[in-house]
Amino acid sequence: RLRGKRGAAVAETPILEFKKERNRIVGHTLSFEGSGDGNMEQ
């Protein structure tokens, strides 16, 4: 599963929220390409 990196501003075990805010739809993009500056870890 994914969790926030130590010191990152992400919940330990995040819940992906897909929502509609006014006239905007919020989604998510995940990258398993490996990045040193990413905000999540496995």
PDB file of all heavy atoms in Angstrom:
ATOM      1  N   ARG A   1       0.883  -1.166   0.000  1.00  0.00           N
ATOM      2  CA  ARG A   1       0.000   0.000   0.000  1.00  0.00           C
ATOM      3  C   ARG A   1       0.921   1.215   0.000  1.00  0.00           C
ATOM      4  O   ARG A   1       2.131   1.072   0.156  1.00  0.00           O
ATOM      5  CB  ARG A   1      -0.925  -0.025   1.215  1.00  0.00           C
ATOM      6  CG  ARG A   1      -0.203   0.094   2.531  1.00  0.00           C
ATOM      7  CD  ARG A   1      -1.170   0.011   3.726  1.00  0.00           C
ATOM      8  NE  ARG A   1      -0.613  -0.885   4.722  1.00  0.00           N
ATOM      9  CZ  ARG A   1      -1.157  -2.021   5.114  1.00  0.00           C
ATOM     10  NH1 ARG A   1      -2.303  -2.396   4.620  1.00  0.00           N
ATOM     11  NH2 ARG A   1      -0.586  -2.785   6.001  1.00  0.00           N
ATOM     12  N   LEU A   2       0.368   2.358  -0.186  1.00  0.00           N
ATOM     13  CA  LEU A   2       1.172   3.568  -0.166  1.00  0.00           C
ATOM     14  C   LEU A   2       1.002   4.262   1.175  1.00  0.00           C
ATOM     15  O   LEU A   2      -0.040   4.164   1.816  1.00  0.00           O
ATOM     16  CB  LEU A   2       0.745   4.517  -1.287  1.00  0.00           C
ATOM     17  CG  LEU A   2       0.928   3.976  -2.702  1.00  0.00           C
ATOM     18  CD1 LEU A   2       0.433   5.003  -3.714  1.00  0.00           C
ATOM     19  CD2 LEU A   2       2.373   3.615  -2.975  1.00  0.00           C
ATOM     20  N   ARG A   3       2.034   4.950   1.595  1.00  0.00           N
ATOM     21  CA  ARG A   3       1.955   5.764   2.806  1.00  0.00           C
ATOM     22  C   ARG A   3       2.784   7.015   2.573  1.00  0.00           C
ATOM     23  O   ARG A   3       3.665   7.048   1.706  1.00  0.00           O
ATOM     24  CB  ARG A   3       2.418   5.009   4.036  1.00  0.00           C
ATOM     25  CG  ARG A   3       3.907   4.771   4.057  1.00  0.00           C
ATOM     26  CD  ARG A   3       4.363   4.243   5.399  1.00  0.00           C
ATOM     27  NE  ARG A   3       5.801   4.093   5.364  1.00  0.00           N
ATOM     28  CZ  ARG A   3       6.473   3.200   6.030  1.00  0.00           C
ATOM     29  NH1 ARG A   3       5.848   2.366   6.809  1.00  0.00           N
ATOM     30  NH2 ARG A   3       7.780   3.134   5.944  1.00  0.00           N
ATOM     31  N   GLY A   4       2.506   8.031   3.355  1.00  0.00           N
ATOM     32  CA  GLY A   4       3.267   9.267   3.238  1.00  0.00           C
ATOM     33  C   GLY A   4       4.699   9.057   3.686  1.00  0.00           C
ATOM     34  O   GLY A   4       4.960   8.317   4.630  1.00  0.00           O
ATOM     35  N   LYS A   5       5.618   9.695   2.962  1.00  0.00           N
ATOM     36  CA  LYS A   5       7.020   9.625   3.378  1.00  0.00           C
ATOM     37  C   LYS A   5       7.177  10.320   4.711  1.00  0.00           C
ATOM     38  O   LYS A   5       6.430  11.230   5.047  1.00  0.00           O
ATOM     39  CB  LYS A   5       7.911  10.343   2.350  1.00  0.00           C
ATOM     40  CG  LYS A   5       8.317   9.507   1.193  1.00  0.00           C
ATOM     41  CD  LYS A   5       9.319  10.285   0.363  1.00  0.00           C
ATOM     42  CE  LYS A   5       9.889   9.437  -0.736  1.00  0.00           C
ATOM     43  NZ  LYS A   5      10.816  10.206  -1.561  1.00  0.00           N
ATOM     44  N   ARG A   6       8.149   9.903   5.449  1.00  0.00           N
ATOM     45  CA  ARG A   6       8.438  10.561   6.724  1.00  0.00           C
ATOM     46  C   ARG A   6       8.695  12.044   6.455  1.00  0.00           C
ATOM     47  O   ARG A   6       9.492  12.401   5.600  1.00  0.00           O
ATOM     48  CB  ARG A   6       9.671   9.952   7.393  1.00  0.00           C
ATOM     49  CG  ARG A   6       9.577   8.447   7.562  1.00  0.00           C
ATOM     50  CD  ARG A   6       8.716   8.111   8.764  1.00  0.00           C
ATOM     51  NE  ARG A   6       8.655   6.656   8.890  1.00  0.00           N
ATOM     52  CZ  ARG A   6       7.540   5.999   9.086  1.00  0.00           C
ATOM     53  NH1 ARG A   6       6.405   6.627   9.172  1.00  0.00           N
ATOM     54  NH2 ARG A   6       7.544   4.698   9.197  1.00  0.00           N
ATOM     55  N   GLY A   7       7.980  12.896   7.150  1.00  0.00           N
ATOM     56  CA  GLY A   7       8.158  14.339   6.972  1.00  0.00           C
ATOM     57  C   GLY A   7       7.311  14.939   5.860  1.00  0.00           C
ATOM     58  O   GLY A   7       7.251  16.141   5.718  1.00  0.00           O
ATOM     59  N   ALA A   8       6.637  14.108   5.076  1.00  0.00           N
ATOM     60  CA  ALA A   8       5.785  14.641   4.008  1.00  0.00           C
ATOM     61  C   ALA A   8       4.428  15.031   4.597  1.00  0.00           C
ATOM     62  O   ALA A   8       4.002  14.490   5.599  1.00  0.00           O
ATOM     63  CB  ALA A   8       5.587  13.598   2.900  1.00  0.00           C
ATOM     64  N   ALA A   9       3.782  15.954   3.966  1.00  0.00           N
ATOM     65  CA  ALA A   9       2.478  16.423   4.453  1.00  0.00           C
ATOM     66  C   ALA A   9       1.359  15.540   3.901  1.00  0.00           C
ATOM     67  O   ALA A   9       0.405  16.025   3.318  1.00  0.00           O
ATOM     68  CB  ALA A   9       2.269  17.876   4.068  1.00  0.00           C
ATOM     69  N   VAL A  10       1.477  14.227   4.075  1.00  0.00           N
ATOM     70  CA  VAL A  10       0.483  13.270   3.594  1.00  0.00           C
ATOM     71  C   VAL A  10       0.164  12.327   4.750  1.00  0.00           C
ATOM     72  O   VAL A  10       1.046  11.968   5.522  1.00  0.00           O
ATOM     73  CB  VAL A  10       1.048  12.458   2.393  1.00  0.00           C
ATOM     74  CG1 VAL A  10       0.068  11.396   1.941  1.00  0.00           C
ATOM     75  CG2 VAL A  10       1.403  13.377   1.243  1.00  0.00           C
ATOM     76  N   ALA A  11      -1.086  11.947   4.866  1.00  0.00           N
ATOM     77  CA  ALA A  11      -1.494  11.012   5.923  1.00  0.00           C
ATOM     78  C   ALA A  11      -0.668   9.731   5.826  1.00  0.00           C
ATOM     79  O   ALA A  11      -0.252   9.329   4.746  1.00  0.00           O
ATOM     80  CB  ALA A  11      -2.977  10.689   5.785  1.00  0.00           C
ATOM     81  N   GLU A  12      -0.440   9.081   6.976  1.00  0.00           N
ATOM     82  CA  GLU A  12       0.344   7.842   6.999  1.00  0.00           C
ATOM     83  C   GLU A  12      -0.149   6.830   5.969  1.00  0.00           C
ATOM     84  O   GLU A  12       0.593   6.380   5.141  1.00  0.00           O
ATOM     85  CB  GLU A  12       0.312   7.217   8.400  1.00  0.00           C
ATOM     86  CG  GLU A  12       1.347   7.792   9.333  1.00  0.00           C
ATOM     87  CD  GLU A  12       2.771   7.592   8.851  1.00  0.00           C
ATOM     88  OE1 GLU A  12       3.180   6.459   8.562  1.00  0.00           O
ATOM     89  OE2 GLU A  12       3.492   8.590   8.757  1.00  0.00           O
ATOM     90  N   THR A  13      -1.405   6.427   6.038  1.00  0.00           N
ATOM     91  CA  THR A  13      -1.986   5.547   5.029  1.00  0.00           C
ATOM     92  C   THR A  13      -3.112   6.339   4.385  1.00  0.00           C
ATOM     93  O   THR A  13      -4.217   6.401   4.925  1.00  0.00           O
ATOM     94  CB  THR A  13      -2.520   4.245   5.652  1.00  0.00           C
ATOM     95  OG1 THR A  13      -1.456   3.607   6.356  1.00  0.00           O
ATOM     96  CG2 THR A  13      -3.047   3.313   4.582  1.00  0.00           C
ATOM     97  N   PRO A  14      -2.824   6.976   3.271  1.00  0.00           N
ATOM     98  CA  PRO A  14      -3.803   7.901   2.700  1.00  0.00           C
ATOM     99  C   PRO A  14      -5.027   7.199   2.118  1.00  0.00           C
ATOM    100  O   PRO A  14      -4.962   6.069   1.667  1.00  0.00           O
ATOM    101  CB  PRO A  14      -3.016   8.595   1.591  1.00  0.00           C
ATOM    102  CG  PRO A  14      -1.986   7.608   1.196  1.00  0.00           C
ATOM    103  CD  PRO A  14      -1.631   6.859   2.458  1.00  0.00           C
ATOM    104  N   ILE A  15      -6.113   7.903   2.185  1.00  0.00           N
ATOM    105  CA  ILE A  15      -7.345   7.507   1.525  1.00  0.00           C
ATOM    106  C   ILE A  15      -7.440   8.418   0.305  1.00  0.00           C
ATOM    107  O   ILE A  15      -7.293   9.637   0.408  1.00  0.00           O
ATOM    108  CB  ILE A  15      -8.563   7.716   2.455  1.00  0.00           C
ATOM    109  CG1 ILE A  15      -8.437   6.859   3.723  1.00  0.00           C
ATOM    110  CG2 ILE A  15      -9.863   7.452   1.712  1.00  0.00           C
ATOM    111  CD1 ILE A  15      -8.440   5.370   3.479  1.00  0.00           C
ATOM    112  N   LEU A  16      -7.643   7.827  -0.855  1.00  0.00           N
ATOM    113  CA  LEU A  16      -7.776   8.622  -2.068  1.00  0.00           C
ATOM    114  C   LEU A  16      -9.221   9.116  -2.161  1.00  0.00           C
ATOM    115  O   LEU A  16     -10.147   8.316  -2.263  1.00  0.00           O
ATOM    116  CB  LEU A  16      -7.417   7.791  -3.297  1.00  0.00           C
ATOM    117  CG  LEU A  16      -6.007   7.213  -3.348  1.00  0.00           C
ATOM    118  CD1 LEU A  16      -5.831   6.368  -4.600  1.00  0.00           C
ATOM    119  CD2 LEU A  16      -4.975   8.318  -3.309  1.00  0.00           C
ATOM    120  N   GLU A  17      -9.388  10.426  -2.093  1.00  0.00           N
ATOM    121  CA  GLU A  17     -10.728  11.009  -2.181  1.00  0.00           C
ATOM    122  C   GLU A  17     -10.948  11.561  -3.578  1.00  0.00           C
ATOM    123  O   GLU A  17     -10.195  12.412  -4.045  1.00  0.00           O
ATOM    124  CB  GLU A  17     -10.904  12.102  -1.137  1.00  0.00           C
ATOM    125  CG  GLU A  17     -10.991  11.557   0.271  1.00  0.00           C
ATOM    126  CD  GLU A  17     -11.447  12.606   1.257  1.00  0.00           C
ATOM    127  OE1 GLU A  17     -12.500  13.239   1.019  1.00  0.00           O
ATOM    128  OE2 GLU A  17     -10.744  12.793   2.256  1.00  0.00           O
ATOM    129  N   PHE A  18     -11.978  11.042  -4.215  1.00  0.00           N
ATOM    130  CA  PHE A  18     -12.409  11.529  -5.515  1.00  0.00           C
ATOM    131  C   PHE A  18     -13.686  12.300  -5.232  1.00  0.00           C
ATOM    132  O   PHE A  18     -14.644  11.733  -4.698  1.00  0.00           O
ATOM    133  CB  PHE A  18     -12.660  10.362  -6.475  1.00  0.00           C
ATOM    134  CG  PHE A  18     -11.421   9.562  -6.764  1.00  0.00           C
ATOM    135  CD1 PHE A  18     -11.074   8.474  -5.974  1.00  0.00           C
ATOM    136  CD2 PHE A  18     -10.596   9.908  -7.828  1.00  0.00           C
ATOM    137  CE1 PHE A  18      -9.928   7.738  -6.243  1.00  0.00           C
ATOM    138  CE2 PHE A  18      -9.452   9.168  -8.101  1.00  0.00           C
ATOM    139  CZ  PHE A  18      -9.119   8.089  -7.308  1.00  0.00           C
ATOM    140  N   LYS A  19     -13.703  13.587  -5.552  1.00  0.00           N
ATOM    141  CA  LYS A  19     -14.865  14.384  -5.158  1.00  0.00           C
ATOM    142  C   LYS A  19     -15.183  15.475  -6.167  1.00  0.00           C
ATOM    143  O   LYS A  19     -14.370  15.801  -7.044  1.00  0.00           O
ATOM    144  CB  LYS A  19     -14.644  14.983  -3.777  1.00  0.00           C
ATOM    145  CG  LYS A  19     -13.380  15.808  -3.644  1.00  0.00           C
ATOM    146  CD  LYS A  19     -13.121  16.161  -2.202  1.00  0.00           C
ATOM    147  CE  LYS A  19     -11.740  16.794  -2.064  1.00  0.00           C
ATOM    148  NZ  LYS A  19     -11.406  17.073  -0.686  1.00  0.00           N
ATOM    149  N   LYS A  20     -16.364  16.026  -5.969  1.00  0.00           N
ATOM    150  CA  LYS A  20     -16.826  17.143  -6.784  1.00  0.00           C
ATOM    151  C   LYS A  20     -16.940  18.338  -5.852  1.00  0.00           C
ATOM    152  O   LYS A  20     -17.639  18.279  -4.848  1.00  0.00           O
ATOM    153  CB  LYS A  20     -18.169  16.812  -7.424  1.00  0.00           C
ATOM    154  CG  LYS A  20     -18.650  17.857  -8.384  1.00  0.00           C
ATOM    155  CD  LYS A  20     -19.912  17.408  -9.084  1.00  0.00           C
ATOM    156  CE  LYS A  20     -20.311  18.476 -10.093  1.00  0.00           C
ATOM    157  NZ  LYS A  20     -21.524  18.114 -10.810  1.00  0.00           N
ATOM    158  N   GLU A  21     -16.205  19.395  -6.178  1.00  0.00           N
ATOM    159  CA  GLU A  21     -16.244  20.624  -5.392  1.00  0.00           C
ATOM    160  C   GLU A  21     -16.742  21.741  -6.302  1.00  0.00           C
ATOM    161  O   GLU A  21     -16.035  22.133  -7.237  1.00  0.00           O
ATOM    162  CB  GLU A  21     -14.858  20.974  -4.856  1.00  0.00           C
ATOM    163  CG  GLU A  21     -14.319  20.000  -3.854  1.00  0.00           C
ATOM    164  CD  GLU A  21     -12.908  20.355  -3.391  1.00  0.00           C
ATOM    165  OE1 GLU A  21     -12.171  21.029  -4.155  1.00  0.00           O
ATOM    166  OE2 GLU A  21     -12.557  19.967  -2.277  1.00  0.00           O
ATOM    167  N   ARG A  22     -17.936  22.196  -6.026  1.00  0.00           N
ATOM    168  CA  ARG A  22     -18.594  23.206  -6.859  1.00  0.00           C
ATOM    169  C   ARG A  22     -18.623  22.728  -8.298  1.00  0.00           C
ATOM    170  O   ARG A  22     -19.262  21.743  -8.602  1.00  0.00           O
ATOM    171  CB  ARG A  22     -17.924  24.561  -6.697  1.00  0.00           C
ATOM    172  CG  ARG A  22     -18.039  25.090  -5.287  1.00  0.00           C
ATOM    173  CD  ARG A  22     -17.455  26.459  -5.154  1.00  0.00           C
ATOM    174  NE  ARG A  22     -17.194  26.707  -3.742  1.00  0.00           N
ATOM    175  CZ  ARG A  22     -16.196  27.383  -3.294  1.00  0.00           C
ATOM    176  NH1 ARG A  22     -15.333  27.929  -4.136  1.00  0.00           N
ATOM    177  NH2 ARG A  22     -16.028  27.550  -2.014  1.00  0.00           N
ATOM    178  N   ASN A  23     -17.912  23.380  -9.183  1.00  0.00           N
ATOM    179  CA  ASN A  23     -17.905  22.957 -10.595  1.00  0.00           C
ATOM    180  C   ASN A  23     -16.584  22.287 -10.979  1.00  0.00           C
ATOM    181  O   ASN A  23     -16.234  22.237 -12.141  1.00  0.00           O
ATOM    182  CB  ASN A  23     -18.198  24.146 -11.511  1.00  0.00           C
ATOM    183  CG  ASN A  23     -17.172  25.252 -11.357  1.00  0.00           C
ATOM    184  OD1 ASN A  23     -16.330  25.202 -10.468  1.00  0.00           O
ATOM    185  ND2 ASN A  23     -17.251  26.247 -12.211  1.00  0.00           N
ATOM    186  N   ARG A  24     -15.859  21.790  -9.988  1.00  0.00           N
ATOM    187  CA  ARG A  24     -14.562  21.158 -10.216  1.00  0.00           C
ATOM    188  C   ARG A  24     -14.593  19.713  -9.726  1.00  0.00           C
ATOM    189  O   ARG A  24     -15.139  19.430  -8.663  1.00  0.00           O
ATOM    190  CB  ARG A  24     -13.512  21.950  -9.439  1.00  0.00           C
ATOM    191  CG  ARG A  24     -12.090  21.608  -9.785  1.00  0.00           C
ATOM    192  CD  ARG A  24     -11.171  22.436  -8.955  1.00  0.00           C
ATOM    193  NE  ARG A  24     -10.681  21.525  -7.924  1.00  0.00           N
ATOM    194  CZ  ARG A  24      -9.761  21.805  -7.048  1.00  0.00           C
ATOM    195  NH1 ARG A  24      -9.263  22.999  -6.994  1.00  0.00           N
ATOM    196  NH2 ARG A  24      -9.364  20.923  -6.193  1.00  0.00           N
ATOM    197  N   ILE A  25     -14.002  18.798 -10.492  1.00  0.00           N
ATOM    198  CA  ILE A  25     -13.933  17.386 -10.099  1.00  0.00           C
ATOM    199  C   ILE A  25     -12.487  17.067  -9.747  1.00  0.00           C
ATOM    200  O   ILE A  25     -11.575  17.330 -10.532  1.00  0.00           O
ATOM    201  CB  ILE A  25     -14.444  16.478 -11.232  1.00  0.00           C
ATOM    202  CG1 ILE A  25     -15.913  16.815 -11.510  1.00  0.00           C
ATOM    203  CG2 ILE A  25     -14.307  15.014 -10.848  1.00  0.00           C
ATOM    204  CD1 ILE A  25     -16.466  16.163 -12.733  1.00  0.00           C
ATOM    205  N   VAL A  26     -12.288  16.505  -8.558  1.00  0.00           N
ATOM    206  CA  VAL A  26     -10.940  16.210  -8.054  1.00  0.00           C
ATOM    207  C   VAL A  26     -10.653  14.720  -8.228  1.00  0.00           C
ATOM    208  O   VAL A  26     -11.423  13.878  -7.784  1.00  0.00           O
ATOM    209  CB  VAL A  26     -10.814  16.601  -6.564  1.00  0.00           C
ATOM    210  CG1 VAL A  26      -9.431  16.241  -6.027  1.00  0.00           C
ATOM    211  CG2 VAL A  26     -11.116  18.077  -6.370  1.00  0.00           C
ATOM    212  N   GLY A  27      -9.543  14.410  -8.892  1.00  0.00           N
ATOM    213  CA  GLY A  27      -9.105  13.035  -9.106  1.00  0.00           C
ATOM    214  C   GLY A  27      -7.683  12.845  -8.611  1.00  0.00           C
ATOM    215  O   GLY A  27      -7.155  13.678  -7.866  1.00  0.00           O
ATOM    216  N   HIS A  28      -7.047  11.764  -9.038  1.00  0.00           N
ATOM    217  CA  HIS A  28      -5.679  11.457  -8.603  1.00  0.00           C
ATOM    218  C   HIS A  28      -4.861  10.874  -9.744  1.00  0.00           C
ATOM    219  O   HIS A  28      -5.389  10.180 -10.619  1.00  0.00           O
ATOM    220  CB  HIS A  28      -5.689  10.442  -7.445  1.00  0.00           C
ATOM    221  CG  HIS A  28      -6.222  11.014  -6.180  1.00  0.00           C
ATOM    222  ND1 HIS A  28      -5.449  11.727  -5.317  1.00  0.00           N
ATOM    223  CD2 HIS A  28      -7.468  10.998  -5.650  1.00  0.00           C
ATOM    224  CE1 HIS A  28      -6.184  12.119  -4.286  1.00  0.00           C
ATOM    225  NE2 HIS A  28      -7.422  11.692  -4.484  1.00  0.00           N
ATOM    226  N   THR A  29      -3.569  11.131  -9.693  1.00  0.00           N
ATOM    227  CA  THR A  29      -2.597  10.522 -10.598  1.00  0.00           C
ATOM    228  C   THR A  29      -1.523   9.883  -9.741  1.00  0.00           C
ATOM    229  O   THR A  29      -0.970  10.527  -8.843  1.00  0.00           O
ATOM    230  CB  THR A  29      -1.965  11.572 -11.533  1.00  0.00           C
ATOM    231  OG1 THR A  29      -2.990  12.154 -12.333  1.00  0.00           O
ATOM    232  CG2 THR A  29      -0.907  10.944 -12.430  1.00  0.00           C
ATOM    233  N   LEU A  30      -1.244   8.602  -9.989  1.00  0.00           N
ATOM    234  CA  LEU A  30      -0.186   7.882  -9.276  1.00  0.00           C
ATOM    235  C   LEU A  30       0.924   7.548 -10.246  1.00  0.00           C
ATOM    236  O   LEU A  30       0.669   7.223 -11.404  1.00  0.00           O
ATOM    237  CB  LEU A  30      -0.724   6.581  -8.683  1.00  0.00           C
ATOM    238  CG  LEU A  30      -1.839   6.685  -7.661  1.00  0.00           C
ATOM    239  CD1 LEU A  30      -2.286   5.290  -7.247  1.00  0.00           C
ATOM    240  CD2 LEU A  30      -1.391   7.470  -6.451  1.00  0.00           C
ATOM    241  N   SER A  31       2.149   7.601  -9.765  1.00  0.00           N
ATOM    242  CA  SER A  31       3.292   7.212 -10.573  1.00  0.00           C
ATOM    243  C   SER A  31       4.108   6.186  -9.797  1.00  0.00           C
ATOM    244  O   SER A  31       4.579   6.467  -8.693  1.00  0.00           O
ATOM    245  CB  SER A  31       4.162   8.427 -10.893  1.00  0.00           C
ATOM    246  OG  SER A  31       5.338   8.007 -11.558  1.00  0.00           O
ATOM    247  N   PHE A  32       4.240   4.989 -10.391  1.00  0.00           N
ATOM    248  CA  PHE A  32       5.095   3.949  -9.813  1.00  0.00           C
ATOM    249  C   PHE A  32       6.419   3.905 -10.576  1.00  0.00           C
ATOM    250  O   PHE A  32       7.025   2.857 -10.720  1.00  0.00           O
ATOM    251  CB  PHE A  32       4.402   2.581  -9.867  1.00  0.00           C
ATOM    252  CG  PHE A  32       3.176   2.490  -9.009  1.00  0.00           C
ATOM    253  CD1 PHE A  32       1.958   2.142  -9.552  1.00  0.00           C
ATOM    254  CD2 PHE A  32       3.235   2.756  -7.661  1.00  0.00           C
ATOM    255  CE1 PHE A  32       0.821   2.051  -8.775  1.00  0.00           C
ATOM    256  CE2 PHE A  32       2.107   2.672  -6.859  1.00  0.00           C
ATOM    257  CZ  PHE A  32       0.897   2.322  -7.422  1.00  0.00           C
ATOM    258  N   GLU A  33       6.834   5.050 -11.067  1.00  0.00           N
ATOM    259  CA  GLU A  33       8.060   5.120 -11.859  1.00  0.00           C
ATOM    260  C   GLU A  33       9.291   5.329 -10.993  1.00  0.00           C
ATOM    261  O   GLU A  33      10.396   5.323 -11.485  1.00  0.00           O
ATOM    262  CB  GLU A  33       7.936   6.237 -12.899  1.00  0.00           C
ATOM    263  CG  GLU A  33       6.852   5.936 -13.924  1.00  0.00           C
ATOM    264  CD  GLU A  33       6.627   7.069 -14.908  1.00  0.00           C
ATOM    265  OE1 GLU A  33       6.580   8.242 -14.471  1.00  0.00           O
ATOM    266  OE2 GLU A  33       6.507   6.766 -16.094  1.00  0.00           O
ATOM    267  N   GLY A  34       9.119   5.560  -9.722  1.00  0.00           N
ATOM    268  CA  GLY A  34      10.253   5.746  -8.817  1.00  0.00           C
ATOM    269  C   GLY A  34      10.823   7.144  -8.941  1.00  0.00           C
ATOM    270  O   GLY A  34      11.371   7.514  -9.959  1.00  0.00           O
ATOM    271  N   SER A  35      10.640   7.911  -7.896  1.00  0.00           N
ATOM    272  CA  SER A  35      11.114   9.283  -7.901  1.00  0.00           C
ATOM    273  C   SER A  35      11.652   9.601  -6.517  1.00  0.00           C
ATOM    274  O   SER A  35      10.983   9.339  -5.521  1.00  0.00           O
ATOM    275  CB  SER A  35       9.957  10.230  -8.260  1.00  0.00           C
ATOM    276  OG  SER A  35      10.346  11.554  -8.058  1.00  0.00           O
ATOM    277  N   GLY A  36      12.832  10.155  -6.460  1.00  0.00           N
ATOM    278  CA  GLY A  36      13.429  10.505  -5.176  1.00  0.00           C
ATOM    279  C   GLY A  36      12.687  11.625  -4.479  1.00  0.00           C
ATOM    280  O   GLY A  36      12.713  11.732  -3.262  1.00  0.00           O
ATOM    281  N   ASP A  37      12.002  12.454  -5.242  1.00  0.00           N
ATOM    282  CA  ASP A  37      11.320  13.584  -4.624  1.00  0.00           C
ATOM    283  C   ASP A  37       9.807  13.368  -4.501  1.00  0.00           C
ATOM    284  O   ASP A  37       9.053  14.304  -4.285  1.00  0.00           O
ATOM    285  CB  ASP A  37      11.600  14.869  -5.398  1.00  0.00           C
ATOM    286  CG  ASP A  37      11.132  14.813  -6.841  1.00  0.00           C
ATOM    287  OD1 ASP A  37      10.841  13.713  -7.338  1.00  0.00           O
ATOM    288  OD2 ASP A  37      11.062  15.879  -7.476  1.00  0.00           O
ATOM    289  N   GLY A  38       9.353  12.139  -4.630  1.00  0.00           N
ATOM    290  CA  GLY A  38       7.931  11.842  -4.496  1.00  0.00           C
ATOM    291  C   GLY A  38       7.459  12.027  -3.060  1.00  0.00           C
ATOM    292  O   GLY A  38       8.262  12.118  -2.128  1.00  0.00           O
ATOM    293  N   ASN A  39       6.144  12.083  -2.863  1.00  0.00           N
ATOM    294  CA  ASN A  39       5.614  12.298  -1.522  1.00  0.00           C
ATOM    295  C   ASN A  39       5.064  11.015  -0.890  1.00  0.00           C
ATOM    296  O   ASN A  39       4.514  11.055   0.197  1.00  0.00           O
ATOM    297  CB  ASN A  39       4.526  13.374  -1.543  1.00  0.00           C
ATOM    298  CG  ASN A  39       3.364  13.003  -2.434  1.00  0.00           C
ATOM    299  OD1 ASN A  39       3.436  12.051  -3.207  1.00  0.00           O
ATOM    300  ND2 ASN A  39       2.300  13.765  -2.335  1.00  0.00           N
ATOM    301  N   MET A  40       5.214   9.878  -1.571  1.00  0.00           N
ATOM    302  CA  MET A  40       4.702   8.611  -1.071  1.00  0.00           C
ATOM    303  C   MET A  40       5.796   7.545  -1.127  1.00  0.00           C
ATOM    304  O   MET A  40       6.736   7.669  -1.904  1.00  0.00           O
ATOM    305  CB  MET A  40       3.521   8.140  -1.923  1.00  0.00           C
ATOM    306  CG  MET A  40       2.409   9.152  -2.091  1.00  0.00           C
ATOM    307  SD  MET A  40       1.518   9.415  -0.594  1.00  0.00           S
ATOM    308  CE  MET A  40       0.343   8.122  -0.757  1.00  0.00           C
ATOM    309  N   GLU A  41       5.613   6.517  -0.305  1.00  0.00           N
ATOM    310  CA  GLU A  41       6.497   5.356  -0.360  1.00  0.00           C
ATOM    311  C   GLU A  41       5.665   4.097  -0.195  1.00  0.00           C
ATOM    312  O   GLU A  41       4.527   4.158   0.276  1.00  0.00           O
ATOM    313  CB  GLU A  41       7.603   5.444   0.694  1.00  0.00           C
ATOM    314  CG  GLU A  41       7.115   5.504   2.114  1.00  0.00           C
ATOM    315  CD  GLU A  41       8.232   5.806   3.113  1.00  0.00           C
ATOM    316  OE1 GLU A  41       9.375   6.038   2.692  1.00  0.00           O
ATOM    317  OE2 GLU A  41       7.949   5.795   4.308  1.00  0.00           O
ATOM    318  N   GLN A  42       6.237   2.969  -0.591  1.00  0.00           N
ATOM    319  CA  GLN A  42       5.524   1.693  -0.513  1.00  0.00           C
ATOM    320  C   GLN A  42       5.714   1.073   0.864  1.00  0.00           C
ATOM    321  O   GLN A  42       6.794   1.116   1.436  1.00  0.00           O
ATOM    322  CB  GLN A  42       6.049   0.731  -1.576  1.00  0.00           C
ATOM    323  CG  GLN A  42       5.816   1.224  -2.981  1.00  0.00           C
ATOM    324  CD  GLN A  42       6.423   0.308  -4.024  1.00  0.00           C
ATOM    325  OE1 GLN A  42       6.890  -0.779  -3.724  1.00  0.00           O
ATOM    326  NE2 GLN A  42       6.407   0.764  -5.267  1.00  0.00           N
TER     327      GLN A  42
END
